[in-house]
Amino acid sequence: MDKNSLIKNRIFVSDLIKKVLLSEMTVSDALKSFPKTDDKSIIASFYALAHIEADEDLRLDSNYKDEQDEYLIHLSQILDRGDSLPQNIITSYEKYYKDSPIYPEMTKENIIKRLKKNINL
């Protein structure tokens, strides 16, 4: 993938994250809109965003919600510059998810099933 497309995709994903945080888009719709790519920053962002759905009960705690939202804002800011996420963030998601999660036909239910399969809920 050329550098311009890579940067464009990262900025697009940054915008998706912002729309979810501003309640302009559902998590499910945002995840379905992710570009199909092997960019590890985008794949890690996909799972970070998917955790909003998976952590629905935990997000009832305002401190947890605020911390998760701040984390997503941080990811969005990095992607908005077209930069790669730090390796420690990418690695934290790679160890749980081996295959690419980005499929246009993914539904909220499929995403949650896949997360439950890979993490201990």
PDB file of N, CA and C in Angstrom:
ATOM      1  N   MET A   1       0.850  -1.182   0.000  1.00  0.00           N
ATOM      2  CA  MET A   1       0.000   0.000   0.000  1.00  0.00           C
ATOM      3  C   MET A   1       0.893   1.242   0.000  1.00  0.00           C
ATOM      4  N   ASP A   2       0.539   2.213  -0.826  1.00  0.00           N
ATOM      5  CA  ASP A   2       1.367   3.418  -0.879  1.00  0.00           C
ATOM      6  C   ASP A   2       1.114   4.294   0.353  1.00  0.00           C
ATOM      7  N   LYS A   3       2.078   5.148   0.631  1.00  0.00           N
ATOM      8  CA  LYS A   3       2.050   5.969   1.847  1.00  0.00           C
ATOM      9  C   LYS A   3       0.819   6.876   1.917  1.00  0.00           C
ATOM     10  N   ASN A   4       0.410   7.451   0.780  1.00  0.00           N
ATOM     11  CA  ASN A   4      -0.767   8.328   0.783  1.00  0.00           C
ATOM     12  C   ASN A   4      -2.034   7.578   1.166  1.00  0.00           C
ATOM     13  N   SER A   5      -2.195   6.357   0.646  1.00  0.00           N
ATOM     14  CA  SER A   5      -3.374   5.547   0.988  1.00  0.00           C
ATOM     15  C   SER A   5      -3.341   5.151   2.457  1.00  0.00           C
ATOM     16  N   LEU A   6      -2.160   4.823   2.938  1.00  0.00           N
ATOM     17  CA  LEU A   6      -2.000   4.451   4.338  1.00  0.00           C
ATOM     18  C   LEU A   6      -2.422   5.604   5.249  1.00  0.00           C
ATOM     19  N   ILE A   7      -1.935   6.780   4.952  1.00  0.00           N
ATOM     20  CA  ILE A   7      -2.278   7.962   5.754  1.00  0.00           C
ATOM     21  C   ILE A   7      -3.766   8.276   5.640  1.00  0.00           C
ATOM     22  N   LYS A   8      -4.301   8.205   4.442  1.00  0.00           N
ATOM     23  CA  LYS A   8      -5.724   8.477   4.220  1.00  0.00           C
ATOM     24  C   LYS A   8      -6.598   7.505   5.024  1.00  0.00           C
ATOM     25  N   ASN A   9      -6.227   6.220   5.029  1.00  0.00           N
ATOM     26  CA  ASN A   9      -6.982   5.225   5.795  1.00  0.00           C
ATOM     27  C   ASN A   9      -6.905   5.489   7.294  1.00  0.00           C
ATOM     28  N   ARG A  10      -5.740   5.873   7.766  1.00  0.00           N
ATOM     29  CA  ARG A  10      -5.595   6.168   9.209  1.00  0.00           C
ATOM     30  C   ARG A  10      -6.435   7.376   9.609  1.00  0.00           C
ATOM     31  N   ILE A  11      -6.447   8.390   8.785  1.00  0.00           N
ATOM     32  CA  ILE A  11      -7.270   9.569   9.074  1.00  0.00           C
ATOM     33  C   ILE A  11      -8.748   9.204   9.034  1.00  0.00           C
ATOM     34  N   PHE A  12      -9.137   8.363   8.085  1.00  0.00           N
ATOM     35  CA  PHE A  12     -10.520   7.900   7.986  1.00  0.00           C
ATOM     36  C   PHE A  12     -10.925   7.156   9.267  1.00  0.00           C
ATOM     37  N   VAL A  13     -10.060   6.277   9.756  1.00  0.00           N
ATOM     38  CA  VAL A  13     -10.344   5.526  10.982  1.00  0.00           C
ATOM     39  C   VAL A  13     -10.402   6.474  12.178  1.00  0.00           C
ATOM     40  N   SER A  14      -9.536   7.456  12.211  1.00  0.00           N
ATOM     41  CA  SER A  14      -9.579   8.466  13.266  1.00  0.00           C
ATOM     42  C   SER A  14     -10.948   9.152  13.288  1.00  0.00           C
ATOM     43  N   ASP A  15     -11.451   9.484  12.114  1.00  0.00           N
ATOM     44  CA  ASP A  15     -12.773  10.121  12.019  1.00  0.00           C
ATOM     45  C   ASP A  15     -13.886   9.186  12.496  1.00  0.00           C
ATOM     46  N   LEU A  16     -13.770   7.896  12.187  1.00  0.00           N
ATOM     47  CA  LEU A  16     -14.762   6.929  12.659  1.00  0.00           C
ATOM     48  C   LEU A  16     -14.786   6.885  14.178  1.00  0.00           C
ATOM     49  N   ILE A  17     -13.612   6.854  14.787  1.00  0.00           N
ATOM     50  CA  ILE A  17     -13.522   6.815  16.250  1.00  0.00           C
ATOM     51  C   ILE A  17     -14.176   8.065  16.839  1.00  0.00           C
ATOM     52  N   LYS A  18     -13.876   9.219  16.269  1.00  0.00           N
ATOM     53  CA  LYS A  18     -14.473  10.474  16.764  1.00  0.00           C
ATOM     54  C   LYS A  18     -15.987  10.450  16.647  1.00  0.00           C
ATOM     55  N   LYS A  19     -16.500   9.945  15.525  1.00  0.00           N
ATOM     56  CA  LYS A  19     -17.958   9.888  15.337  1.00  0.00           C
ATOM     57  C   LYS A  19     -18.612   8.988  16.379  1.00  0.00           C
ATOM     58  N   VAL A  20     -17.969   7.893  16.717  1.00  0.00           N
ATOM     59  CA  VAL A  20     -18.523   7.015  17.754  1.00  0.00           C
ATOM     60  C   VAL A  20     -18.525   7.734  19.093  1.00  0.00           C
ATOM     61  N   LEU A  21     -17.418   8.369  19.434  1.00  0.00           N
ATOM     62  CA  LEU A  21     -17.329   9.059  20.720  1.00  0.00           C
ATOM     63  C   LEU A  21     -18.298  10.233  20.822  1.00  0.00           C
ATOM     64  N   LEU A  22     -18.631  10.828  19.680  1.00  0.00           N
ATOM     65  CA  LEU A  22     -19.591  11.942  19.669  1.00  0.00           C
ATOM     66  C   LEU A  22     -21.029  11.462  19.472  1.00  0.00           C
ATOM     67  N   SER A  23     -21.217  10.140  19.469  1.00  0.00           N
ATOM     68  CA  SER A  23     -22.531   9.508  19.266  1.00  0.00           C
ATOM     69  C   SER A  23     -23.159   9.865  17.924  1.00  0.00           C
ATOM     70  N   GLU A  24     -22.305  10.117  16.938  1.00  0.00           N
ATOM     71  CA  GLU A  24     -22.789  10.392  15.591  1.00  0.00           C
ATOM     72  C   GLU A  24     -22.875   9.099  14.770  1.00  0.00           C
ATOM     73  N   MET A  25     -22.314   8.016  15.304  1.00  0.00           N
ATOM     74  CA  MET A  25     -22.276   6.741  14.603  1.00  0.00           C
ATOM     75  C   MET A  25     -22.223   5.638  15.655  1.00  0.00           C
ATOM     76  N   THR A  26     -22.860   4.522  15.356  1.00  0.00           N
ATOM     77  CA  THR A  26     -22.772   3.396  16.288  1.00  0.00           C
ATOM     78  C   THR A  26     -21.433   2.691  16.112  1.00  0.00           C
ATOM     79  N   VAL A  27     -21.025   1.974  17.129  1.00  0.00           N
ATOM     80  CA  VAL A  27     -19.792   1.206  17.053  1.00  0.00           C
ATOM     81  C   VAL A  27     -19.887   0.199  15.911  1.00  0.00           C
ATOM     82  N   SER A  28     -21.013  -0.468  15.827  1.00  0.00           N
ATOM     83  CA  SER A  28     -21.211  -1.482  14.789  1.00  0.00           C
ATOM     84  C   SER A  28     -21.051  -0.890  13.392  1.00  0.00           C
ATOM     85  N   ASP A  29     -21.669   0.255  13.138  1.00  0.00           N
ATOM     86  CA  ASP A  29     -21.548   0.893  11.824  1.00  0.00           C
ATOM     87  C   ASP A  29     -20.117   1.339  11.553  1.00  0.00           C
ATOM     88  N   ALA A  30     -19.455   1.824  12.578  1.00  0.00           N
ATOM     89  CA  ALA A  30     -18.061   2.251  12.409  1.00  0.00           C
ATOM     90  C   ALA A  30     -17.181   1.050  12.061  1.00  0.00           C
ATOM     91  N   LEU A  31     -17.362  -0.042  12.776  1.00  0.00           N
ATOM     92  CA  LEU A  31     -16.544  -1.227  12.522  1.00  0.00           C
ATOM     93  C   LEU A  31     -16.776  -1.777  11.121  1.00  0.00           C
ATOM     94  N   LYS A  32     -18.014  -1.716  10.661  1.00  0.00           N
ATOM     95  CA  LYS A  32     -18.325  -2.175   9.302  1.00  0.00           C
ATOM     96  C   LYS A  32     -17.682  -1.279   8.243  1.00  0.00           C
ATOM     97  N   SER A  33     -17.380  -0.054   8.616  1.00  0.00           N
ATOM     98  CA  SER A  33     -16.822   0.926   7.678  1.00  0.00           C
ATOM     99  C   SER A  33     -15.296   0.911   7.616  1.00  0.00           C
ATOM    100  N   PHE A  34     -14.659   0.166   8.504  1.00  0.00           N
ATOM    101  CA  PHE A  34     -13.200   0.142   8.520  1.00  0.00           C
ATOM    102  C   PHE A  34     -12.660  -0.329   7.172  1.00  0.00           C
ATOM    103  N   PRO A  35     -11.588   0.303   6.708  1.00  0.00           N
ATOM    104  CA  PRO A  35     -10.983  -0.142   5.447  1.00  0.00           C
ATOM    105  C   PRO A  35     -10.366  -1.527   5.591  1.00  0.00           C
ATOM    106  N   LYS A  36     -10.464  -2.295   4.549  1.00  0.00           N
ATOM    107  CA  LYS A  36      -9.833  -3.621   4.539  1.00  0.00           C
ATOM    108  C   LYS A  36      -8.342  -3.399   4.285  1.00  0.00           C
ATOM    109  N   THR A  37      -7.535  -3.768   5.264  1.00  0.00           N
ATOM    110  CA  THR A  37      -6.104  -3.474   5.198  1.00  0.00           C
ATOM    111  C   THR A  37      -5.333  -4.420   6.106  1.00  0.00           C
ATOM    112  N   ASP A  38      -4.044  -4.459   5.895  1.00  0.00           N
ATOM    113  CA  ASP A  38      -3.192  -5.215   6.809  1.00  0.00           C
ATOM    114  C   ASP A  38      -2.383  -4.271   7.706  1.00  0.00           C
ATOM    115  N   ASP A  39      -2.755  -3.000   7.714  1.00  0.00           N
ATOM    116  CA  ASP A  39      -2.095  -2.009   8.571  1.00  0.00           C
ATOM    117  C   ASP A  39      -2.390  -2.338  10.035  1.00  0.00           C
ATOM    118  N   LYS A  40      -1.348  -2.660  10.768  1.00  0.00           N
ATOM    119  CA  LYS A  40      -1.509  -3.089  12.156  1.00  0.00           C
ATOM    120  C   LYS A  40      -2.090  -1.993  13.046  1.00  0.00           C
ATOM    121  N   SER A  41      -1.863  -0.743  12.700  1.00  0.00           N
ATOM    122  CA  SER A  41      -2.443   0.356  13.484  1.00  0.00           C
ATOM    123  C   SER A  41      -3.956   0.384  13.322  1.00  0.00           C
ATOM    124  N   ILE A  42      -4.421   0.142  12.134  1.00  0.00           N
ATOM    125  CA  ILE A  42      -5.869   0.131  11.884  1.00  0.00           C
ATOM    126  C   ILE A  42      -6.508  -1.099  12.522  1.00  0.00           C
ATOM    127  N   ILE A  43      -5.838  -2.235  12.434  1.00  0.00           N
ATOM    128  CA  ILE A  43      -6.378  -3.449  13.044  1.00  0.00           C
ATOM    129  C   ILE A  43      -6.461  -3.290  14.567  1.00  0.00           C
ATOM    130  N   ALA A  44      -5.427  -2.734  15.179  1.00  0.00           N
ATOM    131  CA  ALA A  44      -5.456  -2.495  16.625  1.00  0.00           C
ATOM    132  C   ALA A  44      -6.569  -1.512  16.989  1.00  0.00           C
ATOM    133  N   SER A  45      -6.761  -0.496  16.160  1.00  0.00           N
ATOM    134  CA  SER A  45      -7.830   0.483  16.402  1.00  0.00           C
ATOM    135  C   SER A  45      -9.200  -0.161  16.296  1.00  0.00           C
ATOM    136  N   PHE A  46      -9.336  -1.104  15.362  1.00  0.00           N
ATOM    137  CA  PHE A  46     -10.588  -1.840  15.208  1.00  0.00           C
ATOM    138  C   PHE A  46     -10.948  -2.524  16.529  1.00  0.00           C
ATOM    139  N   TYR A  47      -9.990  -3.232  17.110  1.00  0.00           N
ATOM    140  CA  TYR A  47     -10.271  -3.937  18.356  1.00  0.00           C
ATOM    141  C   TYR A  47     -10.448  -2.992  19.527  1.00  0.00           C
ATOM    142  N   ALA A  48      -9.720  -1.912  19.555  1.00  0.00           N
ATOM    143  CA  ALA A  48      -9.906  -0.931  20.631  1.00  0.00           C
ATOM    144  C   ALA A  48     -11.330  -0.387  20.587  1.00  0.00           C
ATOM    145  N   LEU A  49     -11.816  -0.103  19.397  1.00  0.00           N
ATOM    146  CA  LEU A  49     -13.177   0.403  19.247  1.00  0.00           C
ATOM    147  C   LEU A  49     -14.199  -0.694  19.541  1.00  0.00           C
ATOM    148  N   ALA A  50     -13.928  -1.909  19.108  1.00  0.00           N
ATOM    149  CA  ALA A  50     -14.845  -3.026  19.367  1.00  0.00           C
ATOM    150  C   ALA A  50     -15.023  -3.267  20.861  1.00  0.00           C
ATOM    151  N   HIS A  51     -14.029  -2.921  21.647  1.00  0.00           N
ATOM    152  CA  HIS A  51     -14.136  -3.133  23.089  1.00  0.00           C
ATOM    153  C   HIS A  51     -15.189  -2.236  23.737  1.00  0.00           C
ATOM    154  N   ILE A  52     -15.593  -1.183  23.079  1.00  0.00           N
ATOM    155  CA  ILE A  52     -16.697  -0.380  23.626  1.00  0.00           C
ATOM    156  C   ILE A  52     -17.936  -1.262  23.743  1.00  0.00           C
ATOM    157  N   GLU A  53     -18.213  -2.029  22.691  1.00  0.00           N
ATOM    158  CA  GLU A  53     -19.364  -2.944  22.717  1.00  0.00           C
ATOM    159  C   GLU A  53     -19.136  -4.073  23.716  1.00  0.00           C
ATOM    160  N   ALA A  54     -17.958  -4.642  23.699  1.00  0.00           N
ATOM    161  CA  ALA A  54     -17.670  -5.770  24.584  1.00  0.00           C
ATOM    162  C   ALA A  54     -17.674  -5.348  26.051  1.00  0.00           C
ATOM    163  N   ASP A  55     -17.333  -4.095  26.315  1.00  0.00           N
ATOM    164  CA  ASP A  55     -17.251  -3.587  27.687  1.00  0.00           C
ATOM    165  C   ASP A  55     -18.495  -2.807  28.096  1.00  0.00           C
ATOM    166  N   GLU A  56     -19.597  -3.070  27.436  1.00  0.00           N
ATOM    167  CA  GLU A  56     -20.824  -2.303  27.675  1.00  0.00           C
ATOM    168  C   GLU A  56     -21.176  -2.219  29.164  1.00  0.00           C
ATOM    169  N   ASP A  57     -21.104  -3.338  29.875  1.00  0.00           N
ATOM    170  CA  ASP A  57     -21.428  -3.329  31.307  1.00  0.00           C
ATOM    171  C   ASP A  57     -20.407  -2.545  32.118  1.00  0.00           C
ATOM    172  N   LEU A  58     -19.138  -2.691  31.760  1.00  0.00           N
ATOM    173  CA  LEU A  58     -18.084  -1.970  32.481  1.00  0.00           C
ATOM    174  C   LEU A  58     -18.189  -0.464  32.278  1.00  0.00           C
ATOM    175  N   ARG A  59     -18.702  -0.054  31.123  1.00  0.00           N
ATOM    176  CA  ARG A  59     -18.811   1.369  30.817  1.00  0.00           C
ATOM    177  C   ARG A  59     -19.896   2.070  31.637  1.00  0.00           C
ATOM    178  N   LEU A  60     -20.671   1.307  32.399  1.00  0.00           N
ATOM    179  CA  LEU A  60     -21.633   1.934  33.317  1.00  0.00           C
ATOM    180  C   LEU A  60     -20.902   2.671  34.429  1.00  0.00           C
ATOM    181  N   ASP A  61     -19.684   2.255  34.719  1.00  0.00           N
ATOM    182  CA  ASP A  61     -18.819   2.948  35.674  1.00  0.00           C
ATOM    183  C   ASP A  61     -18.221   4.148  34.939  1.00  0.00           C
ATOM    184  N   SER A  62     -18.557   5.351  35.382  1.00  0.00           N
ATOM    185  CA  SER A  62     -18.130   6.561  34.663  1.00  0.00           C
ATOM    186  C   SER A  62     -16.608   6.692  34.584  1.00  0.00           C
ATOM    187  N   ASN A  63     -15.897   6.227  35.599  1.00  0.00           N
ATOM    188  CA  ASN A  63     -14.430   6.293  35.545  1.00  0.00           C
ATOM    189  C   ASN A  63     -13.880   5.385  34.448  1.00  0.00           C
ATOM    190  N   TYR A  64     -14.432   4.194  34.349  1.00  0.00           N
ATOM    191  CA  TYR A  64     -13.994   3.260  33.303  1.00  0.00           C
ATOM    192  C   TYR A  64     -14.308   3.839  31.925  1.00  0.00           C
ATOM    193  N   LYS A  65     -15.522   4.348  31.768  1.00  0.00           N
ATOM    194  CA  LYS A  65     -15.945   4.938  30.489  1.00  0.00           C
ATOM    195  C   LYS A  65     -15.027   6.092  30.108  1.00  0.00           C
ATOM    196  N   ASP A  66     -14.758   6.985  31.049  1.00  0.00           N
ATOM    197  CA  ASP A  66     -13.897   8.132  30.774  1.00  0.00           C
ATOM    198  C   ASP A  66     -12.490   7.694  30.367  1.00  0.00           C
ATOM    199  N   GLU A  67     -11.956   6.702  31.067  1.00  0.00           N
ATOM    200  CA  GLU A  67     -10.607   6.218  30.755  1.00  0.00           C
ATOM    201  C   GLU A  67     -10.568   5.571  29.361  1.00  0.00           C
ATOM    202  N   GLN A  68     -11.593   4.782  29.058  1.00  0.00           N
ATOM    203  CA  GLN A  68     -11.643   4.140  27.741  1.00  0.00           C
ATOM    204  C   GLN A  68     -11.810   5.193  26.642  1.00  0.00           C
ATOM    205  N   ASP A  69     -12.650   6.184  26.877  1.00  0.00           N
ATOM    206  CA  ASP A  69     -12.840   7.241  25.888  1.00  0.00           C
ATOM    207  C   ASP A  69     -11.549   8.037  25.677  1.00  0.00           C
ATOM    208  N   GLU A  70     -10.836   8.343  26.757  1.00  0.00           N
ATOM    209  CA  GLU A  70      -9.565   9.059  26.641  1.00  0.00           C
ATOM    210  C   GLU A  70      -8.549   8.258  25.836  1.00  0.00           C
ATOM    211  N   TYR A  71      -8.534   6.957  26.049  1.00  0.00           N
ATOM    212  CA  TYR A  71      -7.638   6.071  25.306  1.00  0.00           C
ATOM    213  C   TYR A  71      -7.972   6.119  23.814  1.00  0.00           C
ATOM    214  N   LEU A  72      -9.253   6.058  23.500  1.00  0.00           N
ATOM    215  CA  LEU A  72      -9.672   6.116  22.092  1.00  0.00           C
ATOM    216  C   LEU A  72      -9.371   7.483  21.474  1.00  0.00           C
ATOM    217  N   ILE A  73      -9.517   8.540  22.244  1.00  0.00           N
ATOM    218  CA  ILE A  73      -9.158   9.877  21.758  1.00  0.00           C
ATOM    219  C   ILE A  73      -7.666   9.918  21.443  1.00  0.00           C
ATOM    220  N   HIS A  74      -6.869   9.337  22.326  1.00  0.00           N
ATOM    221  CA  HIS A  74      -5.417   9.276  22.105  1.00  0.00           C
ATOM    222  C   HIS A  74      -5.104   8.538  20.796  1.00  0.00           C
ATOM    223  N   LEU A  75      -5.727   7.380  20.592  1.00  0.00           N
ATOM    224  CA  LEU A  75      -5.510   6.635  19.346  1.00  0.00           C
ATOM    225  C   LEU A  75      -5.931   7.469  18.146  1.00  0.00           C
ATOM    226  N   SER A  76      -7.066   8.120  18.259  1.00  0.00           N
ATOM    227  CA  SER A  76      -7.582   8.945  17.170  1.00  0.00           C
ATOM    228  C   SER A  76      -6.622  10.085  16.822  1.00  0.00           C
ATOM    229  N   GLN A  77      -6.048  10.700  17.824  1.00  0.00           N
ATOM    230  CA  GLN A  77      -5.107  11.801  17.588  1.00  0.00           C
ATOM    231  C   GLN A  77      -3.870  11.316  16.834  1.00  0.00           C
ATOM    232  N   ILE A  78      -3.376  10.157  17.202  1.00  0.00           N
ATOM    233  CA  ILE A  78      -2.200   9.600  16.517  1.00  0.00           C
ATOM    234  C   ILE A  78      -2.543   9.295  15.062  1.00  0.00           C
ATOM    235  N   LEU A  79      -3.672   8.618  14.859  1.00  0.00           N
ATOM    236  CA  LEU A  79      -4.087   8.248  13.500  1.00  0.00           C
ATOM    237  C   LEU A  79      -4.399   9.477  12.652  1.00  0.00           C
ATOM    238  N   ASP A  80      -4.932  10.515  13.278  1.00  0.00           N
ATOM    239  CA  ASP A  80      -5.281  11.737  12.553  1.00  0.00           C
ATOM    240  C   ASP A  80      -4.056  12.414  11.941  1.00  0.00           C
ATOM    241  N   ARG A  81      -2.896  12.170  12.529  1.00  0.00           N
ATOM    242  CA  ARG A  81      -1.644  12.693  11.972  1.00  0.00           C
ATOM    243  C   ARG A  81      -1.092  11.773  10.881  1.00  0.00           C
ATOM    244  N   GLY A  82      -1.750  10.603  10.717  1.00  0.00           N
ATOM    245  CA  GLY A  82      -1.273   9.628   9.741  1.00  0.00           C
ATOM    246  C   GLY A  82      -0.170   8.753  10.288  1.00  0.00           C
ATOM    247  N   ASP A  83       0.085   8.868  11.591  1.00  0.00           N
ATOM    248  CA  ASP A  83       1.159   8.115  12.219  1.00  0.00           C
ATOM    249  C   ASP A  83       0.711   6.705  12.591  1.00  0.00           C
ATOM    250  N   SER A  84       1.685   5.841  12.771  1.00  0.00           N
ATOM    251  CA  SER A  84       1.437   4.493  13.263  1.00  0.00           C
ATOM    252  C   SER A  84       1.243   4.555  14.774  1.00  0.00           C
ATOM    253  N   LEU A  85       0.398   3.662  15.294  1.00  0.00           N
ATOM    254  CA  LEU A  85       0.259   3.570  16.743  1.00  0.00           C
ATOM    255  C   LEU A  85       1.563   3.050  17.333  1.00  0.00           C
ATOM    256  N   PRO A  86       1.860   3.392  18.579  1.00  0.00           N
ATOM    257  CA  PRO A  86       3.057   2.856  19.223  1.00  0.00           C
ATOM    258  C   PRO A  86       3.032   1.327  19.225  1.00  0.00           C
ATOM    259  N   GLN A  87       4.195   0.736  19.111  1.00  0.00           N
ATOM    260  CA  GLN A  87       4.295  -0.727  19.014  1.00  0.00           C
ATOM    261  C   GLN A  87       3.683  -1.429  20.212  1.00  0.00           C
ATOM    262  N   ASN A  88       3.788  -0.843  21.405  1.00  0.00           N
ATOM    263  CA  ASN A  88       3.213  -1.499  22.583  1.00  0.00           C
ATOM    264  C   ASN A  88       1.695  -1.620  22.484  1.00  0.00           C
ATOM    265  N   ILE A  89       1.041  -0.656  21.874  1.00  0.00           N
ATOM    266  CA  ILE A  89      -0.413  -0.731  21.681  1.00  0.00           C
ATOM    267  C   ILE A  89      -0.739  -1.801  20.651  1.00  0.00           C
ATOM    268  N   ILE A  90      -0.027  -1.797  19.535  1.00  0.00           N
ATOM    269  CA  ILE A  90      -0.246  -2.805  18.503  1.00  0.00           C
ATOM    270  C   ILE A  90      -0.021  -4.198  19.083  1.00  0.00           C
ATOM    271  N   THR A  91       1.052  -4.372  19.812  1.00  0.00           N
ATOM    272  CA  THR A  91       1.384  -5.668  20.397  1.00  0.00           C
ATOM    273  C   THR A  91       0.318  -6.129  21.387  1.00  0.00           C
ATOM    274  N   SER A  92      -0.235  -5.194  22.130  1.00  0.00           N
ATOM    275  CA  SER A  92      -1.250  -5.580  23.124  1.00  0.00           C
ATOM    276  C   SER A  92      -2.483  -6.194  22.471  1.00  0.00           C
ATOM    277  N   TYR A  93      -2.780  -5.831  21.243  1.00  0.00           N
ATOM    278  CA  TYR A  93      -3.911  -6.420  20.528  1.00  0.00           C
ATOM    279  C   TYR A  93      -3.489  -7.629  19.718  1.00  0.00           C
ATOM    280  N   GLU A  94      -2.284  -7.644  19.195  1.00  0.00           N
ATOM    281  CA  GLU A  94      -1.813  -8.777  18.393  1.00  0.00           C
ATOM    282  C   GLU A  94      -1.788 -10.069  19.185  1.00  0.00           C
ATOM    283  N   LYS A  95      -1.456 -10.000  20.446  1.00  0.00           N
ATOM    284  CA  LYS A  95      -1.333 -11.235  21.219  1.00  0.00           C
ATOM    285  C   LYS A  95      -2.677 -11.926  21.418  1.00  0.00           C
ATOM    286  N   TYR A  96      -3.780 -11.198  21.271  1.00  0.00           N
ATOM    287  CA  TYR A  96      -5.105 -11.794  21.415  1.00  0.00           C
ATOM    288  C   TYR A  96      -5.745 -12.165  20.085  1.00  0.00           C
ATOM    289  N   TYR A  97      -5.405 -11.434  19.046  1.00  0.00           N
ATOM    290  CA  TYR A  97      -6.098 -11.598  17.773  1.00  0.00           C
ATOM    291  C   TYR A  97      -5.101 -11.887  16.667  1.00  0.00           C
ATOM    292  N   LYS A  98      -5.138 -13.104  16.172  1.00  0.00           N
ATOM    293  CA  LYS A  98      -4.162 -13.540  15.180  1.00  0.00           C
ATOM    294  C   LYS A  98      -4.568 -13.202  13.752  1.00  0.00           C
ATOM    295  N   ASP A  99      -5.852 -13.327  13.422  1.00  0.00           N
ATOM    296  CA  ASP A  99      -6.262 -13.079  12.038  1.00  0.00           C
ATOM    297  C   ASP A  99      -6.924 -11.718  11.909  1.00  0.00           C
ATOM    298  N   SER A 100      -6.951 -11.214  10.706  1.00  0.00           N
ATOM    299  CA  SER A 100      -7.492  -9.885  10.454  1.00  0.00           C
ATOM    300  C   SER A 100      -8.978  -9.821  10.792  1.00  0.00           C
ATOM    301  N   PRO A 101      -9.380  -8.831  11.577  1.00  0.00           N
ATOM    302  CA  PRO A 101     -10.767  -8.736  12.015  1.00  0.00           C
ATOM    303  C   PRO A 101     -11.673  -7.963  11.067  1.00  0.00           C
ATOM    304  N   ILE A 102     -11.123  -7.376  10.052  1.00  0.00           N
ATOM    305  CA  ILE A 102     -11.888  -6.410   9.280  1.00  0.00           C
ATOM    306  C   ILE A 102     -12.572  -7.084   8.102  1.00  0.00           C
ATOM    307  N   TYR A 103     -13.865  -7.266   8.252  1.00  0.00           N
ATOM    308  CA  TYR A 103     -14.706  -7.843   7.205  1.00  0.00           C
ATOM    309  C   TYR A 103     -15.915  -6.936   7.036  1.00  0.00           C
ATOM    310  N   PRO A 104     -16.270  -6.587   5.812  1.00  0.00           N
ATOM    311  CA  PRO A 104     -17.411  -5.686   5.633  1.00  0.00           C
ATOM    312  C   PRO A 104     -18.723  -6.280   6.133  1.00  0.00           C
ATOM    313  N   GLU A 105     -18.849  -7.605   6.162  1.00  0.00           N
ATOM    314  CA  GLU A 105     -20.099  -8.218   6.571  1.00  0.00           C
ATOM    315  C   GLU A 105     -20.206  -8.440   8.085  1.00  0.00           C
ATOM    316  N   MET A 106     -19.272  -7.912   8.843  1.00  0.00           N
ATOM    317  CA  MET A 106     -19.318  -8.112  10.288  1.00  0.00           C
ATOM    318  C   MET A 106     -20.507  -7.365  10.887  1.00  0.00           C
ATOM    319  N   THR A 107     -21.240  -8.056  11.740  1.00  0.00           N
ATOM    320  CA  THR A 107     -22.336  -7.446  12.475  1.00  0.00           C
ATOM    321  C   THR A 107     -21.928  -7.299  13.927  1.00  0.00           C
ATOM    322  N   LYS A 108     -22.688  -6.550  14.667  1.00  0.00           N
ATOM    323  CA  LYS A 108     -22.403  -6.368  16.092  1.00  0.00           C
ATOM    324  C   LYS A 108     -22.330  -7.730  16.784  1.00  0.00           C
ATOM    325  N   GLU A 109     -23.267  -8.604  16.470  1.00  0.00           N
ATOM    326  CA  GLU A 109     -23.309  -9.917  17.096  1.00  0.00           C
ATOM    327  C   GLU A 109     -22.056 -10.736  16.753  1.00  0.00           C
ATOM    328  N   ASN A 110     -21.635 -10.702  15.491  1.00  0.00           N
ATOM    329  CA  ASN A 110     -20.442 -11.449  15.081  1.00  0.00           C
ATOM    330  C   ASN A 110     -19.183 -10.903  15.752  1.00  0.00           C
ATOM    331  N   ILE A 111     -19.118  -9.602  15.875  1.00  0.00           N
ATOM    332  CA  ILE A 111     -17.954  -8.983  16.509  1.00  0.00           C
ATOM    333  C   ILE A 111     -17.875  -9.404  17.972  1.00  0.00           C
ATOM    334  N   ILE A 112     -19.007  -9.350  18.665  1.00  0.00           N
ATOM    335  CA  ILE A 112     -19.023  -9.730  20.074  1.00  0.00           C
ATOM    336  C   ILE A 112     -18.682 -11.208  20.230  1.00  0.00           C
ATOM    337  N   LYS A 113     -19.232 -12.072  19.338  1.00  0.00           N
ATOM    338  CA  LYS A 113     -18.892 -13.506  19.382  1.00  0.00           C
ATOM    339  C   LYS A 113     -17.398 -13.714  19.208  1.00  0.00           C
ATOM    340  N   ARG A 114     -16.830 -12.996  18.269  1.00  0.00           N
ATOM    341  CA  ARG A 114     -15.403 -13.153  17.998  1.00  0.00           C
ATOM    342  C   ARG A 114     -14.558 -12.668  19.179  1.00  0.00           C
ATOM    343  N   LEU A 115     -14.977 -11.563  19.792  1.00  0.00           N
ATOM    344  CA  LEU A 115     -14.251 -11.068  20.954  1.00  0.00           C
ATOM    345  C   LEU A 115     -14.333 -12.060  22.108  1.00  0.00           C
ATOM    346  N   LYS A 116     -15.533 -12.606  22.336  1.00  0.00           N
ATOM    347  CA  LYS A 116     -15.703 -13.576  23.425  1.00  0.00           C
ATOM    348  C   LYS A 116     -14.855 -14.812  23.198  1.00  0.00           C
ATOM    349  N   LYS A 117     -14.700 -15.190  21.934  1.00  0.00           N
ATOM    350  CA  LYS A 117     -13.899 -16.365  21.601  1.00  0.00           C
ATOM    351  C   LYS A 117     -12.433 -16.127  21.966  1.00  0.00           C
ATOM    352  N   ASN A 118     -11.978 -14.890  21.807  1.00  0.00           N
ATOM    353  CA  ASN A 118     -10.562 -14.587  21.961  1.00  0.00           C
ATOM    354  C   ASN A 118     -10.161 -13.999  23.298  1.00  0.00           C
ATOM    355  N   ILE A 119     -11.149 -13.491  24.054  1.00  0.00           N
ATOM    356  CA  ILE A 119     -10.826 -12.961  25.372  1.00  0.00           C
ATOM    357  C   ILE A 119     -11.725 -13.639  26.394  1.00  0.00           C
ATOM    358  N   ASN A 120     -11.354 -13.566  27.598  1.00  0.00           N
ATOM    359  CA  ASN A 120     -12.068 -14.256  28.654  1.00  0.00           C
ATOM    360  C   ASN A 120     -13.146 -13.349  29.237  1.00  0.00           C
ATOM    361  N   LEU A 121     -14.382 -13.469  28.720  1.00  0.00           N
ATOM    362  CA  LEU A 121     -15.493 -12.647  29.231  1.00  0.00           C
ATOM    363  C   LEU A 121     -16.394 -13.472  30.114  1.00  0.00           C
TER     364      LEU A 121
END
